[in-house]
PDB file of all heavy atoms in Angstrom:
ATOM      1  N   LEU A   1     -41.306   0.321  40.619  1.00  0.00           N
ATOM      2  CA  LEU A   1     -41.602   1.722  40.327  1.00  0.00           C
ATOM      3  C   LEU A   1     -43.014   2.099  40.777  1.00  0.00           C
ATOM      4  O   LEU A   1     -43.907   1.245  40.829  1.00  0.00           O
ATOM      5  CB  LEU A   1     -41.444   1.997  38.828  1.00  0.00           C
ATOM      6  CG  LEU A   1     -40.061   1.709  38.232  1.00  0.00           C
ATOM      7  CD1 LEU A   1     -40.075   1.975  36.733  1.00  0.00           C
ATOM      8  CD2 LEU A   1     -38.989   2.540  38.917  1.00  0.00           C
ATOM      9  N   ALA A   2     -43.195   3.347  41.060  1.00  0.00           N
ATOM     10  CA  ALA A   2     -44.515   3.849  41.431  1.00  0.00           C
ATOM     11  C   ALA A   2     -45.433   3.818  40.218  1.00  0.00           C
ATOM     12  O   ALA A   2     -44.990   3.871  39.075  1.00  0.00           O
ATOM     13  CB  ALA A   2     -44.400   5.269  41.973  1.00  0.00           C
ATOM     14  N   GLY A   3     -46.723   3.751  40.474  1.00  0.00           N
ATOM     15  CA  GLY A   3     -47.693   3.784  39.383  1.00  0.00           C
ATOM     16  C   GLY A   3     -48.161   2.394  39.008  1.00  0.00           C
ATOM     17  O   GLY A   3     -47.808   1.390  39.616  1.00  0.00           O
ATOM     18  N   GLY A   4     -48.969   2.358  37.937  1.00  0.00           N
ATOM     19  CA  GLY A   4     -49.525   1.113  37.457  1.00  0.00           C
ATOM     20  C   GLY A   4     -51.010   1.028  37.781  1.00  0.00           C
ATOM     21  O   GLY A   4     -51.541   1.881  38.486  1.00  0.00           O
ATOM     22  N   PRO A   5     -51.708  -0.012  37.303  1.00  0.00           N
ATOM     23  CA  PRO A   5     -51.121  -1.091  36.527  1.00  0.00           C
ATOM     24  C   PRO A   5     -50.855  -0.673  35.086  1.00  0.00           C
ATOM     25  O   PRO A   5     -51.428   0.304  34.648  1.00  0.00           O
ATOM     26  CB  PRO A   5     -52.218  -2.164  36.583  1.00  0.00           C
ATOM     27  CG  PRO A   5     -53.507  -1.383  36.685  1.00  0.00           C
ATOM     28  CD  PRO A   5     -53.152  -0.180  37.529  1.00  0.00           C
ATOM     29  N   PRO A   6     -50.019  -1.406  34.332  1.00  0.00           N
ATOM     30  CA  PRO A   6     -49.275  -2.573  34.805  1.00  0.00           C
ATOM     31  C   PRO A   6     -48.119  -2.130  35.689  1.00  0.00           C
ATOM     32  O   PRO A   6     -47.521  -1.084  35.461  1.00  0.00           O
ATOM     33  CB  PRO A   6     -48.776  -3.207  33.510  1.00  0.00           C
ATOM     34  CG  PRO A   6     -48.584  -2.048  32.589  1.00  0.00           C
ATOM     35  CD  PRO A   6     -49.688  -1.086  32.923  1.00  0.00           C
ATOM     36  N   TYR A   7     -47.808  -2.927  36.707  1.00  0.00           N
ATOM     37  CA  TYR A   7     -46.719  -2.604  37.604  1.00  0.00           C
ATOM     38  C   TYR A   7     -45.404  -2.983  36.945  1.00  0.00           C
ATOM     39  O   TYR A   7     -45.300  -4.021  36.292  1.00  0.00           O
ATOM     40  CB  TYR A   7     -46.926  -3.333  38.931  1.00  0.00           C
ATOM     41  CG  TYR A   7     -48.233  -2.943  39.571  1.00  0.00           C
ATOM     42  CD1 TYR A   7     -49.319  -3.810  39.564  1.00  0.00           C
ATOM     43  CD2 TYR A   7     -48.404  -1.681  40.138  1.00  0.00           C
ATOM     44  CE1 TYR A   7     -50.536  -3.434  40.122  1.00  0.00           C
ATOM     45  CE2 TYR A   7     -49.609  -1.293  40.686  1.00  0.00           C
ATOM     46  CZ  TYR A   7     -50.678  -2.173  40.681  1.00  0.00           C
ATOM     47  OH  TYR A   7     -51.874  -1.790  41.217  1.00  0.00           O
ATOM     48  N   ARG A   8     -44.405  -2.123  37.109  1.00  0.00           N
ATOM     49  CA  ARG A   8     -43.158  -2.299  36.362  1.00  0.00           C
ATOM     50  C   ARG A   8     -41.959  -2.114  37.280  1.00  0.00           C
ATOM     51  O   ARG A   8     -41.986  -1.282  38.192  1.00  0.00           O
ATOM     52  CB  ARG A   8     -43.076  -1.278  35.223  1.00  0.00           C
ATOM     53  CG  ARG A   8     -44.177  -1.388  34.193  1.00  0.00           C
ATOM     54  CD  ARG A   8     -44.165  -0.205  33.263  1.00  0.00           C
ATOM     55  NE  ARG A   8     -44.472   1.024  33.982  1.00  0.00           N
ATOM     56  CZ  ARG A   8     -44.388   2.243  33.462  1.00  0.00           C
ATOM     57  NH1 ARG A   8     -43.982   2.386  32.224  1.00  0.00           N
ATOM     58  NH2 ARG A   8     -44.693   3.297  34.168  1.00  0.00           N
ATOM     59  N   PRO A   9     -40.888  -2.876  37.026  1.00  0.00           N
ATOM     60  CA  PRO A   9     -39.651  -2.676  37.765  1.00  0.00           C
ATOM     61  C   PRO A   9     -38.700  -1.768  37.010  1.00  0.00           C
ATOM     62  O   PRO A   9     -38.845  -1.566  35.802  1.00  0.00           O
ATOM     63  CB  PRO A   9     -39.067  -4.084  37.847  1.00  0.00           C
ATOM     64  CG  PRO A   9     -39.479  -4.702  36.545  1.00  0.00           C
ATOM     65  CD  PRO A   9     -40.824  -4.094  36.198  1.00  0.00           C
ATOM     66  N   GLY A  10     -37.742  -1.241  37.727  1.00  0.00           N
ATOM     67  CA  GLY A  10     -36.667  -0.475  37.111  1.00  0.00           C
ATOM     68  C   GLY A  10     -35.329  -1.115  37.458  1.00  0.00           C
ATOM     69  O   GLY A  10     -35.065  -1.425  38.620  1.00  0.00           O
ATOM     70  N   LEU A  11     -34.489  -1.331  36.457  1.00  0.00           N
ATOM     71  CA  LEU A  11     -33.179  -1.941  36.649  1.00  0.00           C
ATOM     72  C   LEU A  11     -32.115  -0.853  36.623  1.00  0.00           C
ATOM     73  O   LEU A  11     -32.043  -0.084  35.662  1.00  0.00           O
ATOM     74  CB  LEU A  11     -32.923  -2.969  35.549  1.00  0.00           C
ATOM     75  CG  LEU A  11     -31.768  -3.950  35.763  1.00  0.00           C
ATOM     76  CD1 LEU A  11     -32.079  -4.885  36.933  1.00  0.00           C
ATOM     77  CD2 LEU A  11     -31.504  -4.749  34.494  1.00  0.00           C
ATOM     78  N   ILE A  12     -31.306  -0.791  37.674  1.00  0.00           N
ATOM     79  CA  ILE A  12     -30.295   0.245  37.825  1.00  0.00           C
ATOM     80  C   ILE A  12     -28.913  -0.400  37.993  1.00  0.00           C
ATOM     81  O   ILE A  12     -28.764  -1.353  38.769  1.00  0.00           O
ATOM     82  CB  ILE A  12     -30.584   1.140  39.057  1.00  0.00           C
ATOM     83  CG1 ILE A  12     -31.936   1.834  38.911  1.00  0.00           C
ATOM     84  CG2 ILE A  12     -29.479   2.161  39.271  1.00  0.00           C
ATOM     85  CD1 ILE A  12     -31.974   2.920  37.883  1.00  0.00           C
ATOM     86  N   LEU A  13     -27.926   0.098  37.292  1.00  0.00           N
ATOM     87  CA  LEU A  13     -26.555  -0.392  37.446  1.00  0.00           C
ATOM     88  C   LEU A  13     -25.993   0.074  38.796  1.00  0.00           C
ATOM     89  O   LEU A  13     -26.032   1.257  39.128  1.00  0.00           O
ATOM     90  CB  LEU A  13     -25.677   0.137  36.309  1.00  0.00           C
ATOM     91  CG  LEU A  13     -24.199  -0.263  36.341  1.00  0.00           C
ATOM     92  CD1 LEU A  13     -24.037  -1.769  36.172  1.00  0.00           C
ATOM     93  CD2 LEU A  13     -23.421   0.501  35.260  1.00  0.00           C
ATOM     94  N   ASP A  14     -25.481  -0.892  39.588  1.00  0.00           N
ATOM     95  CA  ASP A  14     -24.855  -0.580  40.875  1.00  0.00           C
ATOM     96  C   ASP A  14     -23.745  -1.607  41.089  1.00  0.00           C
ATOM     97  O   ASP A  14     -23.953  -2.682  41.659  1.00  0.00           O
ATOM     98  CB  ASP A  14     -25.882  -0.642  42.006  1.00  0.00           C
ATOM     99  CG  ASP A  14     -25.310  -0.130  43.336  1.00  0.00           C
ATOM    100  OD1 ASP A  14     -24.076  -0.134  43.483  1.00  0.00           O
ATOM    101  OD2 ASP A  14     -26.110   0.251  44.206  1.00  0.00           O
ATOM    102  N   ALA A  15     -22.549  -1.277  40.618  1.00  0.00           N
ATOM    103  CA  ALA A  15     -21.439  -2.219  40.639  1.00  0.00           C
ATOM    104  C   ALA A  15     -21.014  -2.597  42.051  1.00  0.00           C
ATOM    105  O   ALA A  15     -20.469  -3.681  42.278  1.00  0.00           O
ATOM    106  CB  ALA A  15     -20.253  -1.632  39.869  1.00  0.00           C
ATOM    107  N   GLU A  16     -21.263  -1.720  43.048  1.00  0.00           N
ATOM    108  CA  GLU A  16     -20.788  -1.976  44.409  1.00  0.00           C
ATOM    109  C   GLU A  16     -21.785  -2.785  45.244  1.00  0.00           C
ATOM    110  O   GLU A  16     -21.387  -3.637  46.036  1.00  0.00           O
ATOM    111  CB  GLU A  16     -20.480  -0.650  45.109  1.00  0.00           C
ATOM    112  CG  GLU A  16     -19.332   0.129  44.460  1.00  0.00           C
ATOM    113  CD  GLU A  16     -19.029   1.408  45.211  1.00  0.00           C
ATOM    114  OE1 GLU A  16     -19.711   1.689  46.220  1.00  0.00           O
ATOM    115  OE2 GLU A  16     -18.105   2.128  44.788  1.00  0.00           O
ATOM    116  N   GLN A  17     -23.103  -2.515  45.067  1.00  0.00           N
ATOM    117  CA  GLN A  17     -24.083  -3.185  45.922  1.00  0.00           C
ATOM    118  C   GLN A  17     -25.089  -4.005  45.126  1.00  0.00           C
ATOM    119  O   GLN A  17     -26.127  -4.411  45.659  1.00  0.00           O
ATOM    120  CB  GLN A  17     -24.834  -2.141  46.756  1.00  0.00           C
ATOM    121  CG  GLN A  17     -23.941  -1.296  47.646  1.00  0.00           C
ATOM    122  CD  GLN A  17     -24.738  -0.328  48.501  1.00  0.00           C
ATOM    123  OE1 GLN A  17     -25.613  -0.734  49.256  1.00  0.00           O
ATOM    124  NE2 GLN A  17     -24.427   0.951  48.370  1.00  0.00           N
ATOM    125  N   GLY A  18     -24.798  -4.261  43.889  1.00  0.00           N
ATOM    126  CA  GLY A  18     -25.729  -4.990  43.051  1.00  0.00           C
ATOM    127  C   GLY A  18     -25.668  -6.489  43.261  1.00  0.00           C
ATOM    128  O   GLY A  18     -24.820  -7.007  43.993  1.00  0.00           O
ATOM    129  N   GLN A  19     -26.596  -7.201  42.590  1.00  0.00           N
ATOM    130  CA  GLN A  19     -26.592  -8.662  42.583  1.00  0.00           C
ATOM    131  C   GLN A  19     -27.209  -9.134  41.277  1.00  0.00           C
ATOM    132  O   GLN A  19     -27.677  -8.341  40.461  1.00  0.00           O
ATOM    133  CB  GLN A  19     -27.353  -9.220  43.784  1.00  0.00           C
ATOM    134  CG  GLN A  19     -28.861  -9.027  43.739  1.00  0.00           C
ATOM    135  CD  GLN A  19     -29.550  -9.694  44.924  1.00  0.00           C
ATOM    136  OE1 GLN A  19     -29.268  -9.376  46.082  1.00  0.00           O
ATOM    137  NE2 GLN A  19     -30.451 -10.617  44.650  1.00  0.00           N
ATOM    138  N   ALA A  20     -27.207 -10.436  41.055  1.00  0.00           N
ATOM    139  CA  ALA A  20     -27.777 -11.003  39.838  1.00  0.00           C
ATOM    140  C   ALA A  20     -29.296 -10.915  39.886  1.00  0.00           C
ATOM    141  O   ALA A  20     -29.915 -11.208  40.906  1.00  0.00           O
ATOM    142  CB  ALA A  20     -27.329 -12.449  39.672  1.00  0.00           C
ATOM    143  N   ILE A  21     -29.897 -10.530  38.776  1.00  0.00           N
ATOM    144  CA  ILE A  21     -31.342 -10.383  38.667  1.00  0.00           C
ATOM    145  C   ILE A  21     -31.854 -11.297  37.553  1.00  0.00           C
ATOM    146  O   ILE A  21     -31.276 -11.346  36.455  1.00  0.00           O
ATOM    147  CB  ILE A  21     -31.730  -8.918  38.348  1.00  0.00           C
ATOM    148  CG1 ILE A  21     -31.207  -7.959  39.431  1.00  0.00           C
ATOM    149  CG2 ILE A  21     -33.241  -8.789  38.178  1.00  0.00           C
ATOM    150  CD1 ILE A  21     -31.814  -8.155  40.805  1.00  0.00           C
ATOM    151  N   GLU A  22     -32.940 -11.999  37.814  1.00  0.00           N
ATOM    152  CA  GLU A  22     -33.542 -12.889  36.811  1.00  0.00           C
ATOM    153  C   GLU A  22     -34.025 -12.080  35.593  1.00  0.00           C
ATOM    154  O   GLU A  22     -34.738 -11.085  35.742  1.00  0.00           O
ATOM    155  CB  GLU A  22     -34.734 -13.638  37.418  1.00  0.00           C
ATOM    156  CG  GLU A  22     -35.483 -14.509  36.414  1.00  0.00           C
ATOM    157  CD  GLU A  22     -36.873 -14.896  36.899  1.00  0.00           C
ATOM    158  OE1 GLU A  22     -37.330 -14.355  37.919  1.00  0.00           O
ATOM    159  OE2 GLU A  22     -37.501 -15.734  36.234  1.00  0.00           O
ATOM    160  N   VAL A  23     -33.665 -12.520  34.388  1.00  0.00           N
ATOM    161  CA  VAL A  23     -34.064 -11.837  33.155  1.00  0.00           C
ATOM    162  C   VAL A  23     -34.334 -12.875  32.065  1.00  0.00           C
ATOM    163  O   VAL A  23     -34.011 -14.057  32.215  1.00  0.00           O
ATOM    164  CB  VAL A  23     -32.975 -10.845  32.660  1.00  0.00           C
ATOM    165  CG1 VAL A  23     -32.719  -9.744  33.674  1.00  0.00           C
ATOM    166  CG2 VAL A  23     -31.675 -11.577  32.330  1.00  0.00           C
ATOM    167  N   GLU A  24     -34.911 -12.407  30.985  1.00  0.00           N
ATOM    168  CA  GLU A  24     -35.058 -13.197  29.760  1.00  0.00           C
ATOM    169  C   GLU A  24     -34.490 -12.413  28.598  1.00  0.00           C
ATOM    170  O   GLU A  24     -34.571 -11.172  28.580  1.00  0.00           O
ATOM    171  CB  GLU A  24     -36.534 -13.513  29.478  1.00  0.00           C
ATOM    172  CG  GLU A  24     -37.167 -14.472  30.456  1.00  0.00           C
ATOM    173  CD  GLU A  24     -38.638 -14.717  30.175  1.00  0.00           C
ATOM    174  OE1 GLU A  24     -39.220 -14.022  29.300  1.00  0.00           O
ATOM    175  OE2 GLU A  24     -39.212 -15.597  30.834  1.00  0.00           O
ATOM    176  N   VAL A  25     -33.956 -13.111  27.612  1.00  0.00           N
ATOM    177  CA  VAL A  25     -33.482 -12.481  26.386  1.00  0.00           C
ATOM    178  C   VAL A  25     -34.380 -12.950  25.248  1.00  0.00           C
ATOM    179  O   VAL A  25     -34.553 -14.160  25.043  1.00  0.00           O
ATOM    180  CB  VAL A  25     -32.007 -12.832  26.092  1.00  0.00           C
ATOM    181  CG1 VAL A  25     -31.572 -12.200  24.765  1.00  0.00           C
ATOM    182  CG2 VAL A  25     -31.111 -12.357  27.232  1.00  0.00           C
ATOM    183  N   TRP A  26     -34.957 -11.990  24.538  1.00  0.00           N
ATOM    184  CA  TRP A  26     -35.845 -12.271  23.404  1.00  0.00           C
ATOM    185  C   TRP A  26     -35.207 -11.761  22.122  1.00  0.00           C
ATOM    186  O   TRP A  26     -34.578 -10.697  22.116  1.00  0.00           O
ATOM    187  CB  TRP A  26     -37.204 -11.588  23.606  1.00  0.00           C
ATOM    188  CG  TRP A  26     -38.050 -12.253  24.649  1.00  0.00           C
ATOM    189  CD1 TRP A  26     -37.852 -12.248  26.005  1.00  0.00           C
ATOM    190  CD2 TRP A  26     -39.225 -13.020  24.421  1.00  0.00           C
ATOM    191  NE1 TRP A  26     -38.826 -12.960  26.639  1.00  0.00           N
ATOM    192  CE2 TRP A  26     -39.695 -13.458  25.698  1.00  0.00           C
ATOM    193  CE3 TRP A  26     -39.941 -13.392  23.296  1.00  0.00           C
ATOM    194  CZ2 TRP A  26     -40.835 -14.234  25.841  1.00  0.00           C
ATOM    195  CZ3 TRP A  26     -41.082 -14.162  23.437  1.00  0.00           C
ATOM    196  CH2 TRP A  26     -41.516 -14.581  24.699  1.00  0.00           C
ATOM    197  N   SER A  27     -35.386 -12.506  21.040  1.00  0.00           N
ATOM    198  CA  SER A  27     -34.911 -12.089  19.722  1.00  0.00           C
ATOM    199  C   SER A  27     -36.054 -11.395  18.990  1.00  0.00           C
ATOM    200  O   SER A  27     -37.078 -12.021  18.685  1.00  0.00           O
ATOM    201  CB  SER A  27     -34.423 -13.296  18.912  1.00  0.00           C
ATOM    202  OG  SER A  27     -33.289 -13.875  19.520  1.00  0.00           O
ATOM    203  N   VAL A  28     -35.884 -10.100  18.738  1.00  0.00           N
ATOM    204  CA  VAL A  28     -36.916  -9.289  18.093  1.00  0.00           C
ATOM    205  C   VAL A  28     -36.516  -9.042  16.639  1.00  0.00           C
ATOM    206  O   VAL A  28     -35.380  -8.624  16.372  1.00  0.00           O
ATOM    207  CB  VAL A  28     -37.080  -7.936  18.819  1.00  0.00           C
ATOM    208  CG1 VAL A  28     -38.161  -7.090  18.147  1.00  0.00           C
ATOM    209  CG2 VAL A  28     -37.410  -8.151  20.290  1.00  0.00           C
ATOM    210  N   PRO A  29     -37.392  -9.317  15.652  1.00  0.00           N
ATOM    211  CA  PRO A  29     -37.059  -9.017  14.258  1.00  0.00           C
ATOM    212  C   PRO A  29     -36.633  -7.560  14.101  1.00  0.00           C
ATOM    213  O   PRO A  29     -37.284  -6.656  14.631  1.00  0.00           O
ATOM    214  CB  PRO A  29     -38.382  -9.293  13.515  1.00  0.00           C
ATOM    215  CG  PRO A  29     -39.080 -10.310  14.363  1.00  0.00           C
ATOM    216  CD  PRO A  29     -38.731  -9.939  15.784  1.00  0.00           C
ATOM    217  N   SER A  30     -35.557  -7.341  13.369  1.00  0.00           N
ATOM    218  CA  SER A  30     -35.028  -5.985  13.211  1.00  0.00           C
ATOM    219  C   SER A  30     -36.067  -5.023  12.666  1.00  0.00           C
ATOM    220  O   SER A  30     -36.120  -3.854  13.042  1.00  0.00           O
ATOM    221  CB  SER A  30     -33.804  -6.011  12.286  1.00  0.00           C
ATOM    222  OG  SER A  30     -32.799  -6.839  12.818  1.00  0.00           O
ATOM    223  N   ALA A  31     -36.916  -5.529  11.760  1.00  0.00           N
ATOM    224  CA  ALA A  31     -37.913  -4.664  11.127  1.00  0.00           C
ATOM    225  C   ALA A  31     -38.932  -4.127  12.126  1.00  0.00           C
ATOM    226  O   ALA A  31     -39.578  -3.118  11.882  1.00  0.00           O
ATOM    227  CB  ALA A  31     -38.640  -5.425  10.019  1.00  0.00           C
ATOM    228  N   HIS A  32     -39.067  -4.822  13.291  1.00  0.00           N
ATOM    229  CA  HIS A  32     -40.068  -4.415  14.281  1.00  0.00           C
ATOM    230  C   HIS A  32     -39.437  -3.814  15.530  1.00  0.00           C
ATOM    231  O   HIS A  32     -40.155  -3.405  16.440  1.00  0.00           O
ATOM    232  CB  HIS A  32     -40.931  -5.608  14.671  1.00  0.00           C
ATOM    233  CG  HIS A  32     -41.698  -6.212  13.537  1.00  0.00           C
ATOM    234  ND1 HIS A  32     -42.785  -5.601  12.965  1.00  0.00           N
ATOM    235  CD2 HIS A  32     -41.515  -7.355  12.840  1.00  0.00           C
ATOM    236  CE1 HIS A  32     -43.251  -6.343  11.984  1.00  0.00           C
ATOM    237  NE2 HIS A  32     -42.492  -7.409  11.885  1.00  0.00           N
ATOM    238  N   PHE A  33     -38.105  -3.779  15.579  1.00  0.00           N
ATOM    239  CA  PHE A  33     -37.441  -3.298  16.785  1.00  0.00           C
ATOM    240  C   PHE A  33     -37.786  -1.838  17.070  1.00  0.00           C
ATOM    241  O   PHE A  33     -38.077  -1.463  18.208  1.00  0.00           O
ATOM    242  CB  PHE A  33     -35.927  -3.455  16.649  1.00  0.00           C
ATOM    243  CG  PHE A  33     -35.147  -2.990  17.849  1.00  0.00           C
ATOM    244  CD1 PHE A  33     -35.150  -3.724  19.015  1.00  0.00           C
ATOM    245  CD2 PHE A  33     -34.418  -1.805  17.816  1.00  0.00           C
ATOM    246  CE1 PHE A  33     -34.440  -3.307  20.132  1.00  0.00           C
ATOM    247  CE2 PHE A  33     -33.710  -1.376  18.922  1.00  0.00           C
ATOM    248  CZ  PHE A  33     -33.718  -2.132  20.078  1.00  0.00           C
ATOM    249  N   GLY A  34     -37.776  -0.996  16.034  1.00  0.00           N
ATOM    250  CA  GLY A  34     -38.045   0.432  16.222  1.00  0.00           C
ATOM    251  C   GLY A  34     -39.420   0.688  16.786  1.00  0.00           C
ATOM    252  O   GLY A  34     -39.588   1.488  17.717  1.00  0.00           O
ATOM    253  N   SER A  35     -40.445  -0.003  16.257  1.00  0.00           N
ATOM    254  CA  SER A  35     -41.808   0.227  16.742  1.00  0.00           C
ATOM    255  C   SER A  35     -41.988  -0.326  18.148  1.00  0.00           C
ATOM    256  O   SER A  35     -42.744   0.218  18.951  1.00  0.00           O
ATOM    257  CB  SER A  35     -42.825  -0.407  15.783  1.00  0.00           C
ATOM    258  OG  SER A  35     -42.571  -1.781  15.614  1.00  0.00           O
ATOM    259  N   PHE A  36     -41.275  -1.421  18.478  1.00  0.00           N
ATOM    260  CA  PHE A  36     -41.340  -1.951  19.842  1.00  0.00           C
ATOM    261  C   PHE A  36     -40.735  -0.968  20.837  1.00  0.00           C
ATOM    262  O   PHE A  36     -41.317  -0.659  21.878  1.00  0.00           O
ATOM    263  CB  PHE A  36     -40.614  -3.296  19.909  1.00  0.00           C
ATOM    264  CG  PHE A  36     -40.493  -3.857  21.301  1.00  0.00           C
ATOM    265  CD1 PHE A  36     -41.616  -4.286  21.993  1.00  0.00           C
ATOM    266  CD2 PHE A  36     -39.255  -3.943  21.929  1.00  0.00           C
ATOM    267  CE1 PHE A  36     -41.513  -4.797  23.275  1.00  0.00           C
ATOM    268  CE2 PHE A  36     -39.138  -4.456  23.205  1.00  0.00           C
ATOM    269  CZ  PHE A  36     -40.271  -4.884  23.885  1.00  0.00           C
ATOM    270  N   VAL A  37     -39.572  -0.440  20.504  1.00  0.00           N
ATOM    271  CA  VAL A  37     -38.888   0.497  21.392  1.00  0.00           C
ATOM    272  C   VAL A  37     -39.683   1.789  21.546  1.00  0.00           C
ATOM    273  O   VAL A  37     -39.708   2.410  22.611  1.00  0.00           O
ATOM    274  CB  VAL A  37     -37.460   0.793  20.878  1.00  0.00           C
ATOM    275  CG1 VAL A  37     -36.817   1.928  21.654  1.00  0.00           C
ATOM    276  CG2 VAL A  37     -36.606  -0.462  20.977  1.00  0.00           C
TER     277      VAL A  37
END
């Protein structure tokens, strides 16, 4: 994406021309999810 720092990517759904993208899954305490989002 344009802008930064911090430089950031944007993930877009594209069922026809997409591919697998490296990601991580983190477990966020429910009590803190709202403030994180």
